[in-house]
Amino acid sequence: MTTWEYATIPLLTHNTKAILDQWGEDGWELVQVVPGPTGSANLVAYLKRPKGER
C-alpha cells in the first residue's frame, strides 16, 4: 500500500509555473490550489508524493 507525504506551499501569482515546476521536479504532484487566508490574491497549493521519494 502506498503511503503519502504532503506539502502546503504559498504560490506567488506572478511566478506560479516556476514554483510548481520546481516542486514537480522533486516528485511532488499538485492536488489542489485554493485561495489563501488573506484572500484570492494569495494562493496556497497542496501537493503530495509517495513517502520515501526524493
N, C-alpha and C. Protein backbone atom coordinates (compact mmCIF):
# COMPACT_ATOMS: atom_id res chain seq x y z
N MET A 1 0.84 -1.17 0.00
CA MET A 1 0.00 0.00 0.00
C MET A 1 0.90 1.25 0.00
N THR A 2 0.55 2.21 -0.82
CA THR A 2 1.30 3.46 -0.91
C THR A 2 0.96 4.36 0.27
N THR A 3 1.98 4.89 0.90
CA THR A 3 1.76 5.92 1.91
C THR A 3 2.26 7.24 1.35
N TRP A 4 1.63 8.33 1.76
CA TRP A 4 1.89 9.63 1.16
C TRP A 4 2.44 10.61 2.18
N GLU A 5 3.21 11.58 1.69
CA GLU A 5 3.57 12.75 2.46
C GLU A 5 3.00 13.95 1.72
N TYR A 6 2.72 15.00 2.46
CA TYR A 6 2.04 16.17 1.90
C TYR A 6 2.81 17.44 2.17
N ALA A 7 2.61 18.43 1.32
CA ALA A 7 3.21 19.75 1.50
C ALA A 7 2.16 20.81 1.16
N THR A 8 2.21 21.89 1.87
CA THR A 8 1.37 23.05 1.61
C THR A 8 2.30 24.22 1.35
N ILE A 9 2.15 24.85 0.18
CA ILE A 9 3.07 25.94 -0.17
C ILE A 9 2.30 27.16 -0.66
N PRO A 10 2.79 28.34 -0.33
CA PRO A 10 2.18 29.56 -0.88
C PRO A 10 2.63 29.71 -2.33
N LEU A 11 1.75 30.20 -3.17
CA LEU A 11 2.07 30.45 -4.58
C LEU A 11 2.08 31.95 -4.84
N LEU A 12 3.13 32.41 -5.46
CA LEU A 12 3.18 33.79 -5.92
C LEU A 12 2.55 33.82 -7.30
N THR A 13 1.50 34.59 -7.46
CA THR A 13 0.74 34.54 -8.71
C THR A 13 1.56 34.93 -9.93
N HIS A 14 2.60 35.72 -9.75
CA HIS A 14 3.42 36.12 -10.89
C HIS A 14 4.48 35.07 -11.23
N ASN A 15 4.60 34.01 -10.41
CA ASN A 15 5.65 33.01 -10.62
C ASN A 15 5.14 31.59 -10.39
N THR A 16 3.84 31.38 -10.55
CA THR A 16 3.22 30.10 -10.22
C THR A 16 3.83 28.93 -10.98
N LYS A 17 3.99 29.05 -12.28
CA LYS A 17 4.50 27.94 -13.08
C LYS A 17 5.89 27.51 -12.63
N ALA A 18 6.77 28.46 -12.41
CA ALA A 18 8.14 28.13 -11.99
C ALA A 18 8.15 27.42 -10.63
N ILE A 19 7.32 27.89 -9.72
CA ILE A 19 7.24 27.26 -8.39
C ILE A 19 6.75 25.82 -8.52
N LEU A 20 5.66 25.62 -9.26
CA LEU A 20 5.11 24.27 -9.40
C LEU A 20 6.05 23.36 -10.19
N ASP A 21 6.72 23.88 -11.20
CA ASP A 21 7.70 23.08 -11.95
C ASP A 21 8.81 22.59 -11.03
N GLN A 22 9.30 23.45 -10.15
CA GLN A 22 10.38 23.06 -9.24
C GLN A 22 9.93 21.95 -8.29
N TRP A 23 8.75 22.09 -7.72
CA TRP A 23 8.24 21.05 -6.82
C TRP A 23 7.98 19.77 -7.60
N GLY A 24 7.50 19.88 -8.84
CA GLY A 24 7.27 18.70 -9.68
C GLY A 24 8.55 17.95 -9.96
N GLU A 25 9.64 18.67 -10.17
CA GLU A 25 10.94 18.03 -10.40
C GLU A 25 11.39 17.23 -9.18
N ASP A 26 10.91 17.62 -8.00
CA ASP A 26 11.25 16.91 -6.77
C ASP A 26 10.27 15.79 -6.46
N GLY A 27 9.38 15.49 -7.42
CA GLY A 27 8.48 14.35 -7.25
C GLY A 27 7.12 14.67 -6.66
N TRP A 28 6.83 15.95 -6.47
CA TRP A 28 5.54 16.34 -5.88
C TRP A 28 4.47 16.47 -6.97
N GLU A 29 3.27 16.03 -6.64
CA GLU A 29 2.11 16.13 -7.53
C GLU A 29 1.13 17.13 -6.95
N LEU A 30 0.67 18.06 -7.79
CA LEU A 30 -0.30 19.06 -7.36
C LEU A 30 -1.66 18.40 -7.14
N VAL A 31 -2.24 18.64 -5.98
CA VAL A 31 -3.56 18.09 -5.65
C VAL A 31 -4.63 19.15 -5.80
N GLN A 32 -4.36 20.35 -5.27
CA GLN A 32 -5.38 21.40 -5.29
C GLN A 32 -4.72 22.76 -5.04
N VAL A 33 -5.34 23.80 -5.60
CA VAL A 33 -4.95 25.18 -5.32
C VAL A 33 -6.19 25.89 -4.78
N VAL A 34 -6.02 26.57 -3.65
CA VAL A 34 -7.13 27.27 -3.02
C VAL A 34 -6.70 28.70 -2.67
N PRO A 35 -7.65 29.61 -2.49
CA PRO A 35 -7.29 30.96 -2.04
C PRO A 35 -6.66 30.89 -0.66
N GLY A 36 -5.67 31.76 -0.44
CA GLY A 36 -5.01 31.81 0.86
C GLY A 36 -5.87 32.47 1.90
N PRO A 37 -5.38 32.51 3.13
CA PRO A 37 -6.17 33.08 4.23
C PRO A 37 -6.40 34.58 4.10
N THR A 38 -5.60 35.26 3.29
CA THR A 38 -5.77 36.71 3.15
C THR A 38 -6.54 37.09 1.90
N GLY A 39 -7.15 36.12 1.24
CA GLY A 39 -7.98 36.43 0.09
C GLY A 39 -7.48 35.81 -1.20
N SER A 40 -8.18 36.11 -2.27
CA SER A 40 -7.92 35.45 -3.55
C SER A 40 -6.64 35.92 -4.22
N ALA A 41 -6.03 37.03 -3.74
CA ALA A 41 -4.78 37.48 -4.33
C ALA A 41 -3.63 36.52 -4.00
N ASN A 42 -3.77 35.81 -2.89
CA ASN A 42 -2.77 34.82 -2.49
C ASN A 42 -3.34 33.43 -2.67
N LEU A 43 -2.52 32.52 -3.19
CA LEU A 43 -2.95 31.15 -3.41
C LEU A 43 -2.10 30.21 -2.58
N VAL A 44 -2.71 29.07 -2.20
CA VAL A 44 -2.00 28.03 -1.48
C VAL A 44 -2.15 26.74 -2.28
N ALA A 45 -1.03 26.05 -2.50
CA ALA A 45 -1.04 24.78 -3.24
C ALA A 45 -0.86 23.63 -2.26
N TYR A 46 -1.62 22.57 -2.48
CA TYR A 46 -1.47 21.33 -1.71
C TYR A 46 -0.87 20.30 -2.66
N LEU A 47 0.21 19.66 -2.20
CA LEU A 47 0.92 18.69 -3.03
C LEU A 47 1.10 17.38 -2.27
N LYS A 48 1.34 16.29 -3.01
CA LYS A 48 1.60 15.00 -2.38
C LYS A 48 2.64 14.25 -3.20
N ARG A 49 3.30 13.29 -2.54
CA ARG A 49 4.19 12.35 -3.21
C ARG A 49 4.31 11.12 -2.33
N PRO A 50 4.60 9.99 -2.95
CA PRO A 50 4.77 8.77 -2.15
C PRO A 50 5.91 8.96 -1.15
N LYS A 51 5.73 8.47 0.06
CA LYS A 51 6.78 8.57 1.07
C LYS A 51 8.02 7.84 0.61
N GLY A 52 9.16 8.42 0.91
CA GLY A 52 10.42 7.80 0.54
C GLY A 52 10.99 8.27 -0.78
N GLU A 53 10.23 8.99 -1.60
CA GLU A 53 10.74 9.52 -2.87
C GLU A 53 11.38 10.87 -2.63
N ARG A 54 12.55 11.07 -3.19
CA ARG A 54 13.23 12.35 -3.05
C ARG A 54 14.08 12.60 -4.27
